[in-house]
PDB file of all heavy atoms in Angstrom:
ATOM      1  N   ASN A   1     -75.897  -3.549  18.964  1.00  0.00           N
ATOM      2  CA  ASN A   1     -74.620  -4.361  18.798  1.00  0.00           C
ATOM      3  C   ASN A   1     -74.855  -5.449  17.683  1.00  0.00           C
ATOM      4  O   ASN A   1     -75.971  -5.930  17.516  1.00  0.00           O
ATOM      5  CB  ASN A   1     -74.152  -5.044  20.051  1.00  0.00           C
ATOM      6  CG  ASN A   1     -73.796  -3.986  21.130  1.00  0.00           C
ATOM      7  OD1 ASN A   1     -73.245  -2.889  20.830  1.00  0.00           O
ATOM      8  ND2 ASN A   1     -74.239  -4.196  22.364  1.00  0.00           N
ATOM      9  N   LEU A   2     -73.814  -5.928  17.031  1.00  0.00           N
ATOM     10  CA  LEU A   2     -73.805  -7.066  16.199  1.00  0.00           C
ATOM     11  C   LEU A   2     -72.428  -7.737  16.277  1.00  0.00           C
ATOM     12  O   LEU A   2     -71.428  -6.997  16.363  1.00  0.00           O
ATOM     13  CB  LEU A   2     -74.253  -6.783  14.802  1.00  0.00           C
ATOM     14  CG  LEU A   2     -73.353  -5.958  13.905  1.00  0.00           C
ATOM     15  CD1 LEU A   2     -72.238  -6.752  13.150  1.00  0.00           C
ATOM     16  CD2 LEU A   2     -74.185  -5.149  12.798  1.00  0.00           C
ATOM     17  N   THR A   3     -72.371  -8.989  16.128  1.00  0.00           N
ATOM     18  CA  THR A   3     -71.171  -9.712  16.005  1.00  0.00           C
ATOM     19  C   THR A   3     -71.341 -10.936  15.023  1.00  0.00           C
ATOM     20  O   THR A   3     -72.221 -11.725  15.208  1.00  0.00           O
ATOM     21  CB  THR A   3     -70.642 -10.308  17.336  1.00  0.00           C
ATOM     22  OG1 THR A   3     -70.513  -9.198  18.271  1.00  0.00           O
ATOM     23  CG2 THR A   3     -69.332 -11.091  17.219  1.00  0.00           C
ATOM     24  N   GLN A   4     -70.588 -11.000  14.009  1.00  0.00           N
ATOM     25  CA  GLN A   4     -70.673 -12.043  12.930  1.00  0.00           C
ATOM     26  C   GLN A   4     -69.285 -12.571  12.585  1.00  0.00           C
ATOM     27  O   GLN A   4     -68.334 -11.732  12.452  1.00  0.00           O
ATOM     28  CB  GLN A   4     -71.355 -11.558  11.777  1.00  0.00           C
ATOM     29  CG  GLN A   4     -72.817 -11.088  11.967  1.00  0.00           C
ATOM     30  CD  GLN A   4     -73.732 -12.343  12.181  1.00  0.00           C
ATOM     31  OE1 GLN A   4     -73.688 -13.304  11.397  1.00  0.00           O
ATOM     32  NE2 GLN A   4     -74.595 -12.283  13.235  1.00  0.00           N
ATOM     33  N   SER A   5     -69.217 -13.858  12.350  1.00  0.00           N
ATOM     34  CA  SER A   5     -67.924 -14.450  11.964  1.00  0.00           C
ATOM     35  C   SER A   5     -67.950 -15.063  10.542  1.00  0.00           C
ATOM     36  O   SER A   5     -69.040 -15.547  10.058  1.00  0.00           O
ATOM     37  CB  SER A   5     -67.441 -15.529  12.948  1.00  0.00           C
ATOM     38  OG  SER A   5     -67.080 -14.992  14.206  1.00  0.00           O
ATOM     39  N   PHE A   6     -66.889 -14.871   9.735  1.00  0.00           N
ATOM     40  CA  PHE A   6     -66.762 -15.324   8.446  1.00  0.00           C
ATOM     41  C   PHE A   6     -65.527 -16.209   8.245  1.00  0.00           C
ATOM     42  O   PHE A   6     -64.522 -15.932   8.854  1.00  0.00           O
ATOM     43  CB  PHE A   6     -66.765 -14.162   7.386  1.00  0.00           C
ATOM     44  CG  PHE A   6     -68.056 -13.240   7.551  1.00  0.00           C
ATOM     45  CD1 PHE A   6     -68.132 -12.258   8.441  1.00  0.00           C
ATOM     46  CD2 PHE A   6     -69.057 -13.442   6.619  1.00  0.00           C
ATOM     47  CE1 PHE A   6     -69.242 -11.457   8.588  1.00  0.00           C
ATOM     48  CE2 PHE A   6     -70.230 -12.697   6.654  1.00  0.00           C
ATOM     49  CZ  PHE A   6     -70.307 -11.781   7.558  1.00  0.00           C
ATOM     50  N   PRO A   7     -65.531 -17.167   7.339  1.00  0.00           N
ATOM     51  CA  PRO A   7     -64.293 -17.801   6.967  1.00  0.00           C
ATOM     52  C   PRO A   7     -63.239 -16.875   6.532  1.00  0.00           C
ATOM     53  O   PRO A   7     -63.536 -15.916   5.687  1.00  0.00           O
ATOM     54  CB  PRO A   7     -64.673 -18.731   5.830  1.00  0.00           C
ATOM     55  CG  PRO A   7     -66.200 -18.969   6.027  1.00  0.00           C
ATOM     56  CD  PRO A   7     -66.714 -17.688   6.603  1.00  0.00           C
ATOM     57  N   PHE A   8     -62.068 -16.966   6.975  1.00  0.00           N
ATOM     58  CA  PHE A   8     -60.984 -16.084   6.748  1.00  0.00           C
ATOM     59  C   PHE A   8     -60.651 -16.051   5.247  1.00  0.00           C
ATOM     60  O   PHE A   8     -60.349 -17.148   4.646  1.00  0.00           O
ATOM     61  CB  PHE A   8     -59.741 -16.405   7.528  1.00  0.00           C
ATOM     62  CG  PHE A   8     -58.552 -15.558   7.198  1.00  0.00           C
ATOM     63  CD1 PHE A   8     -58.449 -14.238   7.449  1.00  0.00           C
ATOM     64  CD2 PHE A   8     -57.450 -16.225   6.531  1.00  0.00           C
ATOM     65  CE1 PHE A   8     -57.416 -13.459   7.108  1.00  0.00           C
ATOM     66  CE2 PHE A   8     -56.360 -15.349   6.097  1.00  0.00           C
ATOM     67  CZ  PHE A   8     -56.292 -14.067   6.487  1.00  0.00           C
ATOM     68  N   VAL A   9     -60.504 -14.916   4.699  1.00  0.00           N
ATOM     69  CA  VAL A   9     -60.041 -14.708   3.335  1.00  0.00           C
ATOM     70  C   VAL A   9     -58.989 -13.642   3.329  1.00  0.00           C
ATOM     71  O   VAL A   9     -59.285 -12.527   3.769  1.00  0.00           O
ATOM     72  CB  VAL A   9     -61.186 -14.307   2.281  1.00  0.00           C
ATOM     73  CG1 VAL A   9     -60.616 -14.102   0.901  1.00  0.00           C
ATOM     74  CG2 VAL A   9     -62.256 -15.350   2.199  1.00  0.00           C
ATOM     75  N   ASP A  10     -57.829 -13.956   2.921  1.00  0.00           N
ATOM     76  CA  ASP A  10     -56.690 -12.973   3.077  1.00  0.00           C
ATOM     77  C   ASP A  10     -56.937 -11.696   2.315  1.00  0.00           C
ATOM     78  O   ASP A  10     -57.315 -11.824   1.012  1.00  0.00           O
ATOM     79  CB  ASP A  10     -55.330 -13.598   2.664  1.00  0.00           C
ATOM     80  CG  ASP A  10     -54.167 -12.767   3.130  1.00  0.00           C
ATOM     81  OD1 ASP A  10     -54.266 -12.014   4.011  1.00  0.00           O
ATOM     82  OD2 ASP A  10     -53.073 -12.975   2.489  1.00  0.00           O
ATOM     83  N   ASP A  11     -56.828 -10.605   2.878  1.00  0.00           N
ATOM     84  CA  ASP A  11     -56.966  -9.215   2.142  1.00  0.00           C
ATOM     85  C   ASP A  11     -58.329  -8.974   1.852  1.00  0.00           C
ATOM     86  O   ASP A  11     -58.641  -8.084   1.057  1.00  0.00           O
ATOM     87  CB  ASP A  11     -56.041  -9.185   0.871  1.00  0.00           C
ATOM     88  CG  ASP A  11     -54.581  -8.995   1.287  1.00  0.00           C
ATOM     89  OD1 ASP A  11     -54.284  -8.541   2.397  1.00  0.00           O
ATOM     90  OD2 ASP A  11     -53.747  -9.284   0.512  1.00  0.00           O
ATOM     91  N   ALA A  12     -59.414  -9.727   2.255  1.00  0.00           N
ATOM     92  CA  ALA A  12     -60.821  -9.374   1.976  1.00  0.00           C
ATOM     93  C   ALA A  12     -61.115  -8.011   2.771  1.00  0.00           C
ATOM     94  O   ALA A  12     -60.575  -7.824   3.906  1.00  0.00           O
ATOM     95  CB  ALA A  12     -61.657 -10.491   2.496  1.00  0.00           C
ATOM     96  N   ILE A  13     -61.878  -7.259   2.087  1.00  0.00           N
ATOM     97  CA  ILE A  13     -62.393  -5.983   2.663  1.00  0.00           C
ATOM     98  C   ILE A  13     -63.794  -5.994   3.142  1.00  0.00           C
ATOM     99  O   ILE A  13     -64.595  -6.546   2.329  1.00  0.00           O
ATOM    100  CB  ILE A  13     -62.080  -4.861   1.662  1.00  0.00           C
ATOM    101  CG1 ILE A  13     -60.638  -4.837   1.161  1.00  0.00           C
ATOM    102  CG2 ILE A  13     -62.401  -3.475   2.316  1.00  0.00           C
ATOM    103  CD1 ILE A  13     -60.386  -3.947   0.002  1.00  0.00           C
ATOM    104  N   TYR A  14     -64.077  -5.535   4.255  1.00  0.00           N
ATOM    105  CA  TYR A  14     -65.460  -5.535   4.782  1.00  0.00           C
ATOM    106  C   TYR A  14     -65.985  -4.076   4.960  1.00  0.00           C
ATOM    107  O   TYR A  14     -65.232  -3.178   5.186  1.00  0.00           O
ATOM    108  CB  TYR A  14     -65.508  -6.171   6.173  1.00  0.00           C
ATOM    109  CG  TYR A  14     -65.176  -7.703   6.034  1.00  0.00           C
ATOM    110  CD1 TYR A  14     -63.887  -8.175   5.983  1.00  0.00           C
ATOM    111  CD2 TYR A  14     -66.297  -8.625   6.193  1.00  0.00           C
ATOM    112  CE1 TYR A  14     -63.672  -9.564   5.905  1.00  0.00           C
ATOM    113  CE2 TYR A  14     -66.030 -10.004   6.149  1.00  0.00           C
ATOM    114  CZ  TYR A  14     -64.657 -10.402   6.008  1.00  0.00           C
ATOM    115  OH  TYR A  14     -64.414 -11.791   5.982  1.00  0.00           O
ATOM    116  N   ALA A  15     -67.250  -3.979   4.831  1.00  0.00           N
ATOM    117  CA  ALA A  15     -68.067  -2.757   5.047  1.00  0.00           C
ATOM    118  C   ALA A  15     -69.496  -3.026   5.410  1.00  0.00           C
ATOM    119  O   ALA A  15     -69.940  -4.100   5.213  1.00  0.00           O
ATOM    120  CB  ALA A  15     -67.987  -1.896   3.787  1.00  0.00           C
ATOM    121  N   LEU A  16     -70.069  -2.068   5.999  1.00  0.00           N
ATOM    122  CA  LEU A  16     -71.526  -2.225   6.537  1.00  0.00           C
ATOM    123  C   LEU A  16     -72.438  -1.239   5.870  1.00  0.00           C
ATOM    124  O   LEU A  16     -72.034  -0.107   5.549  1.00  0.00           O
ATOM    125  CB  LEU A  16     -71.569  -2.052   8.009  1.00  0.00           C
ATOM    126  CG  LEU A  16     -70.681  -2.893   8.871  1.00  0.00           C
ATOM    127  CD1 LEU A  16     -71.084  -2.639  10.375  1.00  0.00           C
ATOM    128  CD2 LEU A  16     -70.883  -4.408   8.691  1.00  0.00           C
ATOM    129  N   ARG A  17     -73.663  -1.690   5.696  1.00  0.00           N
ATOM    130  CA  ARG A  17     -74.745  -0.732   5.350  1.00  0.00           C
ATOM    131  C   ARG A  17     -75.770  -0.846   6.467  1.00  0.00           C
ATOM    132  O   ARG A  17     -76.294  -1.952   6.730  1.00  0.00           O
ATOM    133  CB  ARG A  17     -75.410  -1.194   3.889  1.00  0.00           C
ATOM    134  CG  ARG A  17     -74.579  -0.978   2.722  1.00  0.00           C
ATOM    135  CD  ARG A  17     -75.358  -1.223   1.555  1.00  0.00           C
ATOM    136  NE  ARG A  17     -74.591  -1.033   0.303  1.00  0.00           N
ATOM    137  CZ  ARG A  17     -75.087  -1.137  -0.897  1.00  0.00           C
ATOM    138  NH1 ARG A  17     -76.284  -1.547  -1.204  1.00  0.00           N
ATOM    139  NH2 ARG A  17     -74.312  -0.916  -1.966  1.00  0.00           N
ATOM    140  N   VAL A  18     -75.942   0.221   7.048  1.00  0.00           N
ATOM    141  CA  VAL A  18     -76.901   0.246   8.285  1.00  0.00           C
ATOM    142  C   VAL A  18     -78.182   0.903   7.898  1.00  0.00           C
ATOM    143  O   VAL A  18     -78.254   2.157   7.563  1.00  0.00           O
ATOM    144  CB  VAL A  18     -76.202   1.038   9.513  1.00  0.00           C
ATOM    145  CG1 VAL A  18     -77.048   0.930  10.721  1.00  0.00           C
ATOM    146  CG2 VAL A  18     -74.784   0.522   9.778  1.00  0.00           C
ATOM    147  N   PHE A  19     -79.260   0.113   7.828  1.00  0.00           N
ATOM    148  CA  PHE A  19     -80.521   0.599   7.401  1.00  0.00           C
ATOM    149  C   PHE A  19     -81.408   1.167   8.555  1.00  0.00           C
ATOM    150  O   PHE A  19     -81.332   0.689   9.663  1.00  0.00           O
ATOM    151  CB  PHE A  19     -81.342  -0.504   6.739  1.00  0.00           C
ATOM    152  CG  PHE A  19     -80.889  -0.945   5.415  1.00  0.00           C
ATOM    153  CD1 PHE A  19     -79.628  -1.727   5.278  1.00  0.00           C
ATOM    154  CD2 PHE A  19     -81.555  -0.544   4.232  1.00  0.00           C
ATOM    155  CE1 PHE A  19     -79.191  -2.068   3.953  1.00  0.00           C
ATOM    156  CE2 PHE A  19     -81.021  -0.965   2.987  1.00  0.00           C
ATOM    157  CZ  PHE A  19     -79.907  -1.658   2.799  1.00  0.00           C
ATOM    158  N   ALA A  20     -82.267   2.167   8.181  1.00  0.00           N
ATOM    159  CA  ALA A  20     -83.254   2.598   9.141  1.00  0.00           C
ATOM    160  C   ALA A  20     -84.500   1.718   8.963  1.00  0.00           C
ATOM    161  O   ALA A  20     -85.636   2.222   8.583  1.00  0.00           O
ATOM    162  CB  ALA A  20     -83.566   4.164   8.850  1.00  0.00           C
ATOM    163  N   THR A  21     -84.351   0.475   9.155  1.00  0.00           N
ATOM    164  CA  THR A  21     -85.367  -0.558   8.949  1.00  0.00           C
ATOM    165  C   THR A  21     -85.416  -1.465  10.188  1.00  0.00           C
ATOM    166  O   THR A  21     -84.344  -1.956  10.530  1.00  0.00           O
ATOM    167  CB  THR A  21     -85.063  -1.269   7.645  1.00  0.00           C
ATOM    168  OG1 THR A  21     -85.204  -0.472   6.495  1.00  0.00           O
ATOM    169  CG2 THR A  21     -86.126  -2.462   7.414  1.00  0.00           C
ATOM    170  N   ASN A  22     -86.566  -1.701  10.663  1.00  0.00           N
ATOM    171  CA  ASN A  22     -86.753  -2.844  11.618  1.00  0.00           C
ATOM    172  C   ASN A  22     -88.066  -3.418  11.396  1.00  0.00           C
ATOM    173  O   ASN A  22     -88.783  -3.285  10.426  1.00  0.00           O
ATOM    174  CB  ASN A  22     -86.596  -2.262  13.054  1.00  0.00           C
ATOM    175  CG  ASN A  22     -87.512  -1.030  13.289  1.00  0.00           C
ATOM    176  OD1 ASN A  22     -88.798  -1.080  12.995  1.00  0.00           O
ATOM    177  ND2 ASN A  22     -87.037   0.040  13.840  1.00  0.00           N
ATOM    178  N   SER A  23     -88.537  -4.315  12.421  1.00  0.00           N
ATOM    179  CA  SER A  23     -89.811  -4.966  12.082  1.00  0.00           C
ATOM    180  C   SER A  23     -90.979  -4.111  12.037  1.00  0.00           C
ATOM    181  O   SER A  23     -92.045  -4.486  11.479  1.00  0.00           O
ATOM    182  CB  SER A  23     -89.985  -5.971  13.226  1.00  0.00           C
ATOM    183  OG  SER A  23     -90.116  -5.374  14.565  1.00  0.00           O
ATOM    184  N   ALA A  24     -90.902  -2.917  12.509  1.00  0.00           N
ATOM    185  CA  ALA A  24     -92.062  -1.986  12.555  1.00  0.00           C
ATOM    186  C   ALA A  24     -92.153  -1.083  11.326  1.00  0.00           C
ATOM    187  O   ALA A  24     -93.220  -0.658  10.920  1.00  0.00           O
ATOM    188  CB  ALA A  24     -91.944  -1.094  13.823  1.00  0.00           C
TER     189      ALA A  24
END
């Protein structure tokens, strides 16, 4: 899970890149 908040910008578009990367 993840939850993050950003200052509101009208009509801004969001997307994610999910990496196969961790501390190991």
